Amino acid sequence: MFRTRIFWAIVLGVVTSVLIFEARTNLAFGEVGGKVLAGLVAPGARLVFAVNKPGTLLEGSTRFWSGLAIACNFLIYLFFWYACIWIVGYLRERRNPYEREATLVPPSFR
C-alpha cells in the first residue's frame, strides 16, 4: 500500500492543502509571497468564479463555494503530485531499461 503512487499523491495533496491553508490564515507575506500564494489557490477560485454567476441557486452560500474551491485545489494538487511521482518513477525505470521484461529481445536469446 505504501508503494502505490496514488497513496503518496493523496498524502502529498493533503499536506500541500493543509500547508497552504495554514499559510493563508496565519502568515503575513510581502508582495512576492502574496502573489505566490494567490497563484497556488487560483484554480479553485477560478472554478468558483466561473460557476457562481448571479441568479444561480446557491449564489449567497459562501461556505459551499469556499469548500468547493478547497476541494478543487486539492484535486489539482493530487494530480500534480501523481504526475511528479509518475515522472520520477519513469525516469528511474529508464535509467537501465534492459532490466525490465518488456524489451525487443526475445527471452530465448538472453
PDB file of N, CA and C in Angstrom:
ATOM      1  N   MET A   1       0.817  -1.187   0.000  1.00  0.00           N
ATOM      2  CA  MET A   1       0.000   0.000   0.000  1.00  0.00           C
ATOM      3  C   MET A   1       0.864   1.257   0.000  1.00  0.00           C
ATOM      4  N   PHE A   2       2.000   1.248   0.703  1.00  0.00           N
ATOM      5  CA  PHE A   2       2.832   2.430   0.769  1.00  0.00           C
ATOM      6  C   PHE A   2       3.674   2.625  -0.487  1.00  0.00           C
ATOM      7  N   ARG A   3       3.626   1.684  -1.398  1.00  0.00           N
ATOM      8  CA  ARG A   3       4.394   1.807  -2.627  1.00  0.00           C
ATOM      9  C   ARG A   3       3.548   2.306  -3.790  1.00  0.00           C
ATOM     10  N   THR A   4       2.276   2.541  -3.588  1.00  0.00           N
ATOM     11  CA  THR A   4       1.429   2.981  -4.687  1.00  0.00           C
ATOM     12  C   THR A   4       1.566   4.480  -4.886  1.00  0.00           C
ATOM     13  N   ARG A   5       1.461   4.878  -6.131  1.00  0.00           N
ATOM     14  CA  ARG A   5       1.576   6.298  -6.472  1.00  0.00           C
ATOM     15  C   ARG A   5       0.397   7.092  -5.949  1.00  0.00           C
ATOM     16  N   ILE A   6      -0.784   6.522  -6.051  1.00  0.00           N
ATOM     17  CA  ILE A   6      -1.979   7.272  -5.661  1.00  0.00           C
ATOM     18  C   ILE A   6      -1.993   7.533  -4.158  1.00  0.00           C
ATOM     19  N   PHE A   7      -1.496   6.587  -3.362  1.00  0.00           N
ATOM     20  CA  PHE A   7      -1.435   6.805  -1.913  1.00  0.00           C
ATOM     21  C   PHE A   7      -0.556   7.999  -1.583  1.00  0.00           C
ATOM     22  N   TRP A   8       0.645   8.035  -2.169  1.00  0.00           N
ATOM     23  CA  TRP A   8       1.546   9.136  -1.868  1.00  0.00           C
ATOM     24  C   TRP A   8       1.062  10.438  -2.486  1.00  0.00           C
ATOM     25  N   ALA A   9       0.368  10.365  -3.608  1.00  0.00           N
ATOM     26  CA  ALA A   9      -0.206  11.580  -4.185  1.00  0.00           C
ATOM     27  C   ALA A   9      -1.283  12.148  -3.265  1.00  0.00           C
ATOM     28  N   ILE A  10      -2.106  11.272  -2.679  1.00  0.00           N
ATOM     29  CA  ILE A  10      -3.131  11.741  -1.742  1.00  0.00           C
ATOM     30  C   ILE A  10      -2.486  12.337  -0.497  1.00  0.00           C
ATOM     31  N   VAL A  11      -1.470  11.665   0.033  1.00  0.00           N
ATOM     32  CA  VAL A  11      -0.790  12.178   1.231  1.00  0.00           C
ATOM     33  C   VAL A  11      -0.164  13.539   0.940  1.00  0.00           C
ATOM     34  N   LEU A  12       0.558  13.656  -0.173  1.00  0.00           N
ATOM     35  CA  LEU A  12       1.194  14.931  -0.504  1.00  0.00           C
ATOM     36  C   LEU A  12       0.172  16.007  -0.857  1.00  0.00           C
ATOM     37  N   GLY A  13      -0.958  15.627  -1.460  1.00  0.00           N
ATOM     38  CA  GLY A  13      -2.024  16.587  -1.738  1.00  0.00           C
ATOM     39  C   GLY A  13      -2.644  17.130  -0.468  1.00  0.00           C
ATOM     40  N   VAL A  14      -2.866  16.262   0.513  1.00  0.00           N
ATOM     41  CA  VAL A  14      -3.409  16.708   1.797  1.00  0.00           C
ATOM     42  C   VAL A  14      -2.412  17.618   2.506  1.00  0.00           C
ATOM     43  N   VAL A  15      -1.140  17.232   2.509  1.00  0.00           N
ATOM     44  CA  VAL A  15      -0.111  18.055   3.162  1.00  0.00           C
ATOM     45  C   VAL A  15      -0.014  19.420   2.482  1.00  0.00           C
ATOM     46  N   THR A  16      -0.042  19.448   1.162  1.00  0.00           N
ATOM     47  CA  THR A  16       0.016  20.709   0.434  1.00  0.00           C
ATOM     48  C   THR A  16      -1.195  21.575   0.748  1.00  0.00           C
ATOM     49  N   SER A  17      -2.375  20.980   0.769  1.00  0.00           N
ATOM     50  CA  SER A  17      -3.585  21.744   1.073  1.00  0.00           C
ATOM     51  C   SER A  17      -3.537  22.321   2.484  1.00  0.00           C
ATOM     52  N   VAL A  18      -3.095  21.520   3.439  1.00  0.00           N
ATOM     53  CA  VAL A  18      -3.028  21.991   4.829  1.00  0.00           C
ATOM     54  C   VAL A  18      -1.989  23.098   4.965  1.00  0.00           C
ATOM     55  N   LEU A  19      -0.837  22.936   4.336  1.00  0.00           N
ATOM     56  CA  LEU A  19       0.186  23.967   4.424  1.00  0.00           C
ATOM     57  C   LEU A  19      -0.258  25.280   3.789  1.00  0.00           C
ATOM     58  N   ILE A  20      -0.931  25.210   2.666  1.00  0.00           N
ATOM     59  CA  ILE A  20      -1.406  26.431   2.019  1.00  0.00           C
ATOM     60  C   ILE A  20      -2.513  27.073   2.841  1.00  0.00           C
ATOM     61  N   PHE A  21      -3.399  26.267   3.414  1.00  0.00           N
ATOM     62  CA  PHE A  21      -4.455  26.813   4.264  1.00  0.00           C
ATOM     63  C   PHE A  21      -3.863  27.511   5.481  1.00  0.00           C
ATOM     64  N   GLU A  22      -2.893  26.875   6.115  1.00  0.00           N
ATOM     65  CA  GLU A  22      -2.249  27.483   7.283  1.00  0.00           C
ATOM     66  C   GLU A  22      -1.478  28.741   6.896  1.00  0.00           C
ATOM     67  N   ALA A  23      -0.841  28.726   5.740  1.00  0.00           N
ATOM     68  CA  ALA A  23      -0.101  29.902   5.296  1.00  0.00           C
ATOM     69  C   ALA A  23      -1.034  31.070   5.027  1.00  0.00           C
ATOM     70  N   ARG A  24      -2.200  30.782   4.463  1.00  0.00           N
ATOM     71  CA  ARG A  24      -3.155  31.867   4.191  1.00  0.00           C
ATOM     72  C   ARG A  24      -3.736  32.445   5.460  1.00  0.00           C
ATOM     73  N   THR A  25      -3.922  31.619   6.475  1.00  0.00           N
ATOM     74  CA  THR A  25      -4.584  32.114   7.679  1.00  0.00           C
ATOM     75  C   THR A  25      -3.621  32.655   8.723  1.00  0.00           C
ATOM     76  N   ASN A  26      -2.401  32.164   8.797  1.00  0.00           N
ATOM     77  CA  ASN A  26      -1.519  32.524   9.906  1.00  0.00           C
ATOM     78  C   ASN A  26      -0.301  33.351   9.532  1.00  0.00           C
ATOM     79  N   LEU A  27       0.133  33.320   8.302  1.00  0.00           N
ATOM     80  CA  LEU A  27       1.360  34.011   7.934  1.00  0.00           C
ATOM     81  C   LEU A  27       1.071  35.310   7.203  1.00  0.00           C
ATOM     82  N   ALA A  28       1.919  36.277   7.437  1.00  0.00           N
ATOM     83  CA  ALA A  28       1.840  37.550   6.717  1.00  0.00           C
ATOM     84  C   ALA A  28       2.990  37.581   5.716  1.00  0.00           C
ATOM     85  N   PHE A  29       2.660  37.697   4.451  1.00  0.00           N
ATOM     86  CA  PHE A  29       3.665  37.700   3.400  1.00  0.00           C
ATOM     87  C   PHE A  29       3.849  39.101   2.857  1.00  0.00           C
ATOM     88  N   GLY A  30       4.960  39.294   2.202  1.00  0.00           N
ATOM     89  CA  GLY A  30       5.188  40.526   1.470  1.00  0.00           C
ATOM     90  C   GLY A  30       4.489  40.438   0.119  1.00  0.00           C
ATOM     91  N   GLU A  31       4.933  41.279  -0.793  1.00  0.00           N
ATOM     92  CA  GLU A  31       4.293  41.326  -2.107  1.00  0.00           C
ATOM     93  C   GLU A  31       4.520  40.046  -2.905  1.00  0.00           C
ATOM     94  N   VAL A  32       5.744  39.536  -2.901  1.00  0.00           N
ATOM     95  CA  VAL A  32       6.061  38.333  -3.679  1.00  0.00           C
ATOM     96  C   VAL A  32       5.398  37.103  -3.072  1.00  0.00           C
ATOM     97  N   GLY A  33       5.454  36.951  -1.755  1.00  0.00           N
ATOM     98  CA  GLY A  33       4.821  35.807  -1.106  1.00  0.00           C
ATOM     99  C   GLY A  33       3.322  35.781  -1.299  1.00  0.00           C
ATOM    100  N   GLY A  34       2.701  36.954  -1.272  1.00  0.00           N
ATOM    101  CA  GLY A  34       1.263  37.020  -1.519  1.00  0.00           C
ATOM    102  C   GLY A  34       0.898  36.610  -2.931  1.00  0.00           C
ATOM    103  N   LYS A  35       1.744  36.993  -3.890  1.00  0.00           N
ATOM    104  CA  LYS A  35       1.476  36.615  -5.282  1.00  0.00           C
ATOM    105  C   LYS A  35       1.648  35.117  -5.495  1.00  0.00           C
ATOM    106  N   VAL A  36       2.670  34.534  -4.856  1.00  0.00           N
ATOM    107  CA  VAL A  36       2.883  33.090  -4.977  1.00  0.00           C
ATOM    108  C   VAL A  36       1.716  32.331  -4.368  1.00  0.00           C
ATOM    109  N   LEU A  37       1.289  32.747  -3.193  1.00  0.00           N
ATOM    110  CA  LEU A  37       0.165  32.082  -2.529  1.00  0.00           C
ATOM    111  C   LEU A  37      -1.125  32.264  -3.313  1.00  0.00           C
ATOM    112  N   ALA A  38      -1.337  33.439  -3.871  1.00  0.00           N
ATOM    113  CA  ALA A  38      -2.522  33.660  -4.704  1.00  0.00           C
ATOM    114  C   ALA A  38      -2.489  32.791  -5.956  1.00  0.00           C
ATOM    115  N   GLY A  39      -1.308  32.563  -6.493  1.00  0.00           N
ATOM    116  CA  GLY A  39      -1.186  31.683  -7.660  1.00  0.00           C
ATOM    117  C   GLY A  39      -1.471  30.236  -7.330  1.00  0.00           C
ATOM    118  N   LEU A  40      -1.141  29.817  -6.107  1.00  0.00           N
ATOM    119  CA  LEU A  40      -1.396  28.430  -5.716  1.00  0.00           C
ATOM    120  C   LEU A  40      -2.873  28.155  -5.460  1.00  0.00           C
ATOM    121  N   VAL A  41      -3.616  29.156  -5.039  1.00  0.00           N
ATOM    122  CA  VAL A  41      -5.039  28.943  -4.751  1.00  0.00           C
ATOM    123  C   VAL A  41      -5.930  29.446  -5.884  1.00  0.00           C
ATOM    124  N   ALA A  42      -5.346  29.921  -6.971  1.00  0.00           N
ATOM    125  CA  ALA A  42      -6.115  30.473  -8.083  1.00  0.00           C
ATOM    126  C   ALA A  42      -7.023  29.464  -8.788  1.00  0.00           C
ATOM    127  N   PRO A  43      -6.627  28.201  -9.004  1.00  0.00           N
ATOM    128  CA  PRO A  43      -7.522  27.296  -9.751  1.00  0.00           C
ATOM    129  C   PRO A  43      -8.883  27.107  -9.101  1.00  0.00           C
ATOM    130  N   GLY A  44      -8.915  26.926  -7.801  1.00  0.00           N
ATOM    131  CA  GLY A  44     -10.200  26.768  -7.119  1.00  0.00           C
ATOM    132  C   GLY A  44     -11.028  28.035  -7.186  1.00  0.00           C
ATOM    133  N   ALA A  45     -10.368  29.178  -7.041  1.00  0.00           N
ATOM    134  CA  ALA A  45     -11.090  30.456  -7.111  1.00  0.00           C
ATOM    135  C   ALA A  45     -11.648  30.697  -8.506  1.00  0.00           C
ATOM    136  N   ARG A  46     -10.897  30.308  -9.517  1.00  0.00           N
ATOM    137  CA  ARG A  46     -11.397  30.477 -10.893  1.00  0.00           C
ATOM    138  C   ARG A  46     -12.604  29.588 -11.169  1.00  0.00           C
ATOM    139  N   LEU A  47     -12.587  28.373 -10.654  1.00  0.00           N
ATOM    140  CA  LEU A  47     -13.739  27.486 -10.830  1.00  0.00           C
ATOM    141  C   LEU A  47     -14.971  28.065 -10.145  1.00  0.00           C
ATOM    142  N   VAL A  48     -14.811  28.544  -8.933  1.00  0.00           N
ATOM    143  CA  VAL A  48     -15.942  29.114  -8.199  1.00  0.00           C
ATOM    144  C   VAL A  48     -16.467  30.358  -8.915  1.00  0.00           C
ATOM    145  N   PHE A  49     -15.569  31.179  -9.410  1.00  0.00           N
ATOM    146  CA  PHE A  49     -16.000  32.368 -10.138  1.00  0.00           C
ATOM    147  C   PHE A  49     -16.742  31.999 -11.414  1.00  0.00           C
ATOM    148  N   ALA A  50     -16.314  30.942 -12.091  1.00  0.00           N
ATOM    149  CA  ALA A  50     -16.963  30.529 -13.335  1.00  0.00           C
ATOM    150  C   ALA A  50     -18.345  29.927 -13.086  1.00  0.00           C
ATOM    151  N   VAL A  51     -18.508  29.219 -11.966  1.00  0.00           N
ATOM    152  CA  VAL A  51     -19.773  28.532 -11.696  1.00  0.00           C
ATOM    153  C   VAL A  51     -20.753  29.425 -10.950  1.00  0.00           C
ATOM    154  N   ASN A  52     -20.272  30.270 -10.067  1.00  0.00           N
ATOM    155  CA  ASN A  52     -21.122  31.094  -9.210  1.00  0.00           C
ATOM    156  C   ASN A  52     -21.471  32.400  -9.924  1.00  0.00           C
ATOM    157  N   LYS A  53     -22.442  32.350 -10.792  1.00  0.00           N
ATOM    158  CA  LYS A  53     -22.919  33.521 -11.516  1.00  0.00           C
ATOM    159  C   LYS A  53     -24.119  34.127 -10.785  1.00  0.00           C
ATOM    160  N   PRO A  54     -24.373  35.399 -10.985  1.00  0.00           N
ATOM    161  CA  PRO A  54     -25.572  35.989 -10.362  1.00  0.00           C
ATOM    162  C   PRO A  54     -26.847  35.323 -10.865  1.00  0.00           C
ATOM    163  N   GLY A  55     -27.742  35.059  -9.930  1.00  0.00           N
ATOM    164  CA  GLY A  55     -29.001  34.422 -10.269  1.00  0.00           C
ATOM    165  C   GLY A  55     -28.984  32.915 -10.142  1.00  0.00           C
ATOM    166  N   THR A  56     -27.886  32.319  -9.729  1.00  0.00           N
ATOM    167  CA  THR A  56     -27.839  30.872  -9.538  1.00  0.00           C
ATOM    168  C   THR A  56     -28.485  30.502  -8.219  1.00  0.00           C
ATOM    169  N   LEU A  57     -28.735  29.236  -8.036  1.00  0.00           N
ATOM    170  CA  LEU A  57     -29.437  28.749  -6.858  1.00  0.00           C
ATOM    171  C   LEU A  57     -28.640  28.964  -5.572  1.00  0.00           C
ATOM    172  N   LEU A  58     -27.356  28.699  -5.615  1.00  0.00           N
ATOM    173  CA  LEU A  58     -26.518  28.817  -4.422  1.00  0.00           C
ATOM    174  C   LEU A  58     -25.658  30.080  -4.469  1.00  0.00           C
ATOM    175  N   GLU A  59     -26.233  31.183  -4.878  1.00  0.00           N
ATOM    176  CA  GLU A  59     -25.464  32.403  -5.076  1.00  0.00           C
ATOM    177  C   GLU A  59     -24.880  32.952  -3.775  1.00  0.00           C
ATOM    178  N   GLY A  60     -25.586  32.874  -2.680  1.00  0.00           N
ATOM    179  CA  GLY A  60     -25.131  33.505  -1.456  1.00  0.00           C
ATOM    180  C   GLY A  60     -24.463  32.579  -0.458  1.00  0.00           C
ATOM    181  N   SER A  61     -24.356  31.302  -0.735  1.00  0.00           N
ATOM    182  CA  SER A  61     -23.787  30.383   0.254  1.00  0.00           C
ATOM    183  C   SER A  61     -22.268  30.344   0.130  1.00  0.00           C
ATOM    184  N   THR A  62     -21.589  31.149   0.928  1.00  0.00           N
ATOM    185  CA  THR A  62     -20.136  31.270   0.838  1.00  0.00           C
ATOM    186  C   THR A  62     -19.429  30.026   1.361  1.00  0.00           C
ATOM    187  N   ARG A  63     -20.013  29.351   2.326  1.00  0.00           N
ATOM    188  CA  ARG A  63     -19.377  28.140   2.854  1.00  0.00           C
ATOM    189  C   ARG A  63     -19.285  27.053   1.784  1.00  0.00           C
ATOM    190  N   PHE A  64     -20.331  26.905   1.006  1.00  0.00           N
ATOM    191  CA  PHE A  64     -20.327  25.910  -0.067  1.00  0.00           C
ATOM    192  C   PHE A  64     -19.262  26.244  -1.106  1.00  0.00           C
ATOM    193  N   TRP A  65     -19.203  27.503  -1.520  1.00  0.00           N
ATOM    194  CA  TRP A  65     -18.263  27.889  -2.568  1.00  0.00           C
ATOM    195  C   TRP A  65     -16.815  27.839  -2.086  1.00  0.00           C
ATOM    196  N   SER A  66     -16.583  28.182  -0.825  1.00  0.00           N
ATOM    197  CA  SER A  66     -15.211  28.065  -0.316  1.00  0.00           C
ATOM    198  C   SER A  66     -14.803  26.598  -0.193  1.00  0.00           C
ATOM    199  N   GLY A  67     -15.739  25.737   0.213  1.00  0.00           N
ATOM    200  CA  GLY A  67     -15.457  24.300   0.258  1.00  0.00           C
ATOM    201  C   GLY A  67     -15.189  23.731  -1.122  1.00  0.00           C
ATOM    202  N   LEU A  68     -15.940  24.194  -2.112  1.00  0.00           N
ATOM    203  CA  LEU A  68     -15.720  23.750  -3.492  1.00  0.00           C
ATOM    204  C   LEU A  68     -14.363  24.216  -4.004  1.00  0.00           C
ATOM    205  N   ALA A  69     -13.955  25.417  -3.654  1.00  0.00           N
ATOM    206  CA  ALA A  69     -12.641  25.916  -4.069  1.00  0.00           C
ATOM    207  C   ALA A  69     -11.526  25.099  -3.427  1.00  0.00           C
ATOM    208  N   ILE A  70     -11.666  24.760  -2.155  1.00  0.00           N
ATOM    209  CA  ILE A  70     -10.661  23.949  -1.473  1.00  0.00           C
ATOM    210  C   ILE A  70     -10.597  22.550  -2.077  1.00  0.00           C
ATOM    211  N   ALA A  71     -11.761  21.959  -2.373  1.00  0.00           N
ATOM    212  CA  ALA A  71     -11.790  20.624  -2.980  1.00  0.00           C
ATOM    213  C   ALA A  71     -11.167  20.640  -4.375  1.00  0.00           C
ATOM    214  N   CYS A  72     -11.428  21.681  -5.142  1.00  0.00           N
ATOM    215  CA  CYS A  72     -10.836  21.786  -6.479  1.00  0.00           C
ATOM    216  C   CYS A  72      -9.322  21.928  -6.386  1.00  0.00           C
ATOM    217  N   ASN A  73      -8.847  22.745  -5.460  1.00  0.00           N
ATOM    218  CA  ASN A  73      -7.401  22.890  -5.276  1.00  0.00           C
ATOM    219  C   ASN A  73      -6.776  21.565  -4.840  1.00  0.00           C
ATOM    220  N   PHE A  74      -7.452  20.827  -3.955  1.00  0.00           N
ATOM    221  CA  PHE A  74      -6.940  19.530  -3.529  1.00  0.00           C
ATOM    222  C   PHE A  74      -6.805  18.576  -4.707  1.00  0.00           C
ATOM    223  N   LEU A  75      -7.805  18.533  -5.579  1.00  0.00           N
ATOM    224  CA  LEU A  75      -7.728  17.650  -6.744  1.00  0.00           C
ATOM    225  C   LEU A  75      -6.600  18.050  -7.685  1.00  0.00           C
ATOM    226  N   ILE A  76      -6.386  19.333  -7.833  1.00  0.00           N
ATOM    227  CA  ILE A  76      -5.297  19.788  -8.694  1.00  0.00           C
ATOM    228  C   ILE A  76      -3.954  19.407  -8.082  1.00  0.00           C
ATOM    229  N   TYR A  77      -3.807  19.566  -6.759  1.00  0.00           N
ATOM    230  CA  TYR A  77      -2.570  19.162  -6.095  1.00  0.00           C
ATOM    231  C   TYR A  77      -2.390  17.647  -6.191  1.00  0.00           C
ATOM    232  N   LEU A  78      -3.464  16.905  -6.090  1.00  0.00           N
ATOM    233  CA  LEU A  78      -3.396  15.448  -6.208  1.00  0.00           C
ATOM    234  C   LEU A  78      -2.881  15.042  -7.585  1.00  0.00           C
ATOM    235  N   PHE A  79      -3.430  15.624  -8.639  1.00  0.00           N
ATOM    236  CA  PHE A  79      -2.970  15.311  -9.992  1.00  0.00           C
ATOM    237  C   PHE A  79      -1.524  15.758 -10.200  1.00  0.00           C
ATOM    238  N   PHE A  80      -1.154  16.910  -9.635  1.00  0.00           N
ATOM    239  CA  PHE A  80       0.216  17.391  -9.765  1.00  0.00           C
ATOM    240  C   PHE A  80       1.194  16.426  -9.112  1.00  0.00           C
ATOM    241  N   TRP A  81       0.927  16.006  -7.883  1.00  0.00           N
ATOM    242  CA  TRP A  81       1.849  15.102  -7.188  1.00  0.00           C
ATOM    243  C   TRP A  81       1.871  13.729  -7.842  1.00  0.00           C
ATOM    244  N   TYR A  82       0.721  13.260  -8.339  1.00  0.00           N
ATOM    245  CA  TYR A  82       0.701  11.977  -9.039  1.00  0.00           C
ATOM    246  C   TYR A  82       1.582  12.039 -10.287  1.00  0.00           C
ATOM    247  N   ALA A  83       1.480  13.132 -11.043  1.00  0.00           N
ATOM    248  CA  ALA A  83       2.303  13.282 -12.243  1.00  0.00           C
ATOM    249  C   ALA A  83       3.780  13.353 -11.884  1.00  0.00           C
ATOM    250  N   CYS A  84       4.118  14.070 -10.828  1.00  0.00           N
ATOM    251  CA  CYS A  84       5.522  14.156 -10.404  1.00  0.00           C
ATOM    252  C   CYS A  84       6.060  12.786  -9.995  1.00  0.00           C
ATOM    253  N   ILE A  85       5.286  12.041  -9.234  1.00  0.00           N
ATOM    254  CA  ILE A  85       5.716  10.709  -8.799  1.00  0.00           C
ATOM    255  C   ILE A  85       5.835   9.776  -9.998  1.00  0.00           C
ATOM    256  N   TRP A  86       4.910   9.881 -10.938  1.00  0.00           N
ATOM    257  CA  TRP A  86       4.963   9.039 -12.130  1.00  0.00           C
ATOM    258  C   TRP A  86       6.200   9.365 -12.964  1.00  0.00           C
ATOM    259  N   ILE A  87       6.513  10.649 -13.125  1.00  0.00           N
ATOM    260  CA  ILE A  87       7.681  11.045 -13.912  1.00  0.00           C
ATOM    261  C   ILE A  87       8.966  10.557 -13.249  1.00  0.00           C
ATOM    262  N   VAL A  88       9.067  10.711 -11.942  1.00  0.00           N
ATOM    263  CA  VAL A  88      10.262  10.236 -11.235  1.00  0.00           C
ATOM    264  C   VAL A  88      10.395   8.723 -11.363  1.00  0.00           C
ATOM    265  N   GLY A  89       9.294   7.991 -11.211  1.00  0.00           N
ATOM    266  CA  GLY A  89       9.330   6.540 -11.377  1.00  0.00           C
ATOM    267  C   GLY A  89       9.710   6.135 -12.783  1.00  0.00           C
ATOM    268  N   TYR A  90       9.204   6.843 -13.765  1.00  0.00           N
ATOM    269  CA  TYR A  90       9.537   6.540 -15.156  1.00  0.00           C
ATOM    270  C   TYR A  90      11.012   6.795 -15.432  1.00  0.00           C
ATOM    271  N   LEU A  91      11.539   7.907 -14.939  1.00  0.00           N
ATOM    272  CA  LEU A  91      12.942   8.219 -15.171  1.00  0.00           C
ATOM    273  C   LEU A  91      13.865   7.253 -14.439  1.00  0.00           C
ATOM    274  N   ARG A  92      13.480   6.823 -13.254  1.00  0.00           N
ATOM    275  CA  ARG A  92      14.291   5.828 -12.543  1.00  0.00           C
ATOM    276  C   ARG A  92      14.255   4.482 -13.255  1.00  0.00           C
ATOM    277  N   GLU A  93      13.114   4.158 -13.838  1.00  0.00           N
ATOM    278  CA  GLU A  93      12.989   2.903 -14.569  1.00  0.00           C
ATOM    279  C   GLU A  93      13.770   2.952 -15.870  1.00  0.00           C
ATOM    280  N   ARG A  94      13.823   4.094 -16.503  1.00  0.00           N
ATOM    281  CA  ARG A  94      14.524   4.233 -17.779  1.00  0.00           C
ATOM    282  C   ARG A  94      16.029   4.346 -17.601  1.00  0.00           C
ATOM    283  N   ARG A  95      16.504   4.445 -16.364  1.00  0.00           N
ATOM    284  CA  ARG A  95      17.940   4.528 -16.142  1.00  0.00           C
ATOM    285  C   ARG A  95      18.623   3.282 -16.685  1.00  0.00           C
ATOM    286  N   ASN A  96      18.029   2.131 -16.463  1.00  0.00           N
ATOM    287  CA  ASN A  96      18.545   0.884 -17.001  1.00  0.00           C
ATOM    288  C   ASN A  96      17.363   0.130 -17.606  1.00  0.00           C
ATOM    289  N   PRO A  97      17.016   0.421 -18.864  1.00  0.00           N
ATOM    290  CA  PRO A  97      15.790  -0.139 -19.434  1.00  0.00           C
ATOM    291  C   PRO A  97      15.840  -1.637 -19.696  1.00  0.00           C
ATOM    292  N   TYR A  98      17.010  -2.242 -19.695  1.00  0.00           N
ATOM    293  CA  TYR A  98      17.097  -3.658 -20.021  1.00  0.00           C
ATOM    294  C   TYR A  98      16.865  -4.558 -18.817  1.00  0.00           C
ATOM    295  N   GLU A  99      16.599  -3.997 -17.666  1.00  0.00           N
ATOM    296  CA  GLU A  99      16.247  -4.807 -16.503  1.00  0.00           C
ATOM    297  C   GLU A  99      14.774  -5.211 -16.534  1.00  0.00           C
ATOM    298  N   ARG A 100      14.006  -4.531 -17.351  1.00  0.00           N
ATOM    299  CA  ARG A 100      12.582  -4.862 -17.464  1.00  0.00           C
ATOM    300  C   ARG A 100      12.383  -6.048 -18.390  1.00  0.00           C
ATOM    301  N   GLU A 101      11.216  -6.658 -18.289  1.00  0.00           N
ATOM    302  CA  GLU A 101      10.911  -7.809 -19.146  1.00  0.00           C
ATOM    303  C   GLU A 101      10.453  -7.383 -20.535  1.00  0.00           C
ATOM    304  N   ALA A 102       9.855  -6.241 -20.674  1.00  0.00           N
ATOM    305  CA  ALA A 102       9.280  -5.828 -21.950  1.00  0.00           C
ATOM    306  C   ALA A 102      10.346  -5.187 -22.828  1.00  0.00           C
ATOM    307  N   THR A 103      11.231  -5.967 -23.382  1.00  0.00           N
ATOM    308  CA  THR A 103      12.231  -5.479 -24.330  1.00  0.00           C
ATOM    309  C   THR A 103      11.972  -6.099 -25.686  1.00  0.00           C
ATOM    310  N   LEU A 104      12.721  -5.662 -26.664  1.00  0.00           N
ATOM    311  CA  LEU A 104      12.529  -6.180 -28.019  1.00  0.00           C
ATOM    312  C   LEU A 104      13.261  -7.494 -28.249  1.00  0.00           C
ATOM    313  N   VAL A 105      14.124  -7.880 -27.324  1.00  0.00           N
ATOM    314  CA  VAL A 105      14.879  -9.127 -27.471  1.00  0.00           C
ATOM    315  C   VAL A 105      14.031 -10.274 -26.936  1.00  0.00           C
ATOM    316  N   PRO A 106      13.852 -11.335 -27.700  1.00  0.00           N
ATOM    317  CA  PRO A 106      13.070 -12.475 -27.211  1.00  0.00           C
ATOM    318  C   PRO A 106      13.744 -13.118 -26.003  1.00  0.00           C
ATOM    319  N   PRO A 107      12.983 -13.726 -25.104  1.00  0.00           N
ATOM    320  CA  PRO A 107      13.572 -14.322 -23.899  1.00  0.00           C
ATOM    321  C   PRO A 107      14.543 -15.457 -24.196  1.00  0.00           C
ATOM    322  N   SER A 108      14.454 -16.112 -25.339  1.00  0.00           N
ATOM    323  CA  SER A 108      15.341 -17.244 -25.628  1.00  0.00           C
ATOM    324  C   SER A 108      16.773 -16.809 -25.936  1.00  0.00           C
ATOM    325  N   PHE A 109      16.991 -15.549 -26.316  1.00  0.00           N
ATOM    326  CA  PHE A 109      18.311 -15.069 -26.660  1.00  0.00           C
ATOM    327  C   PHE A 109      19.021 -14.364 -25.515  1.00  0.00           C
ATOM    328  N   ARG A 110      18.454 -14.311 -24.361  1.00  0.00           N
ATOM    329  CA  ARG A 110      19.071 -13.603 -23.252  1.00  0.00           C
ATOM    330  C   ARG A 110      20.079 -14.410 -22.561  1.00  0.00           C
TER     331      ARG A 110
END
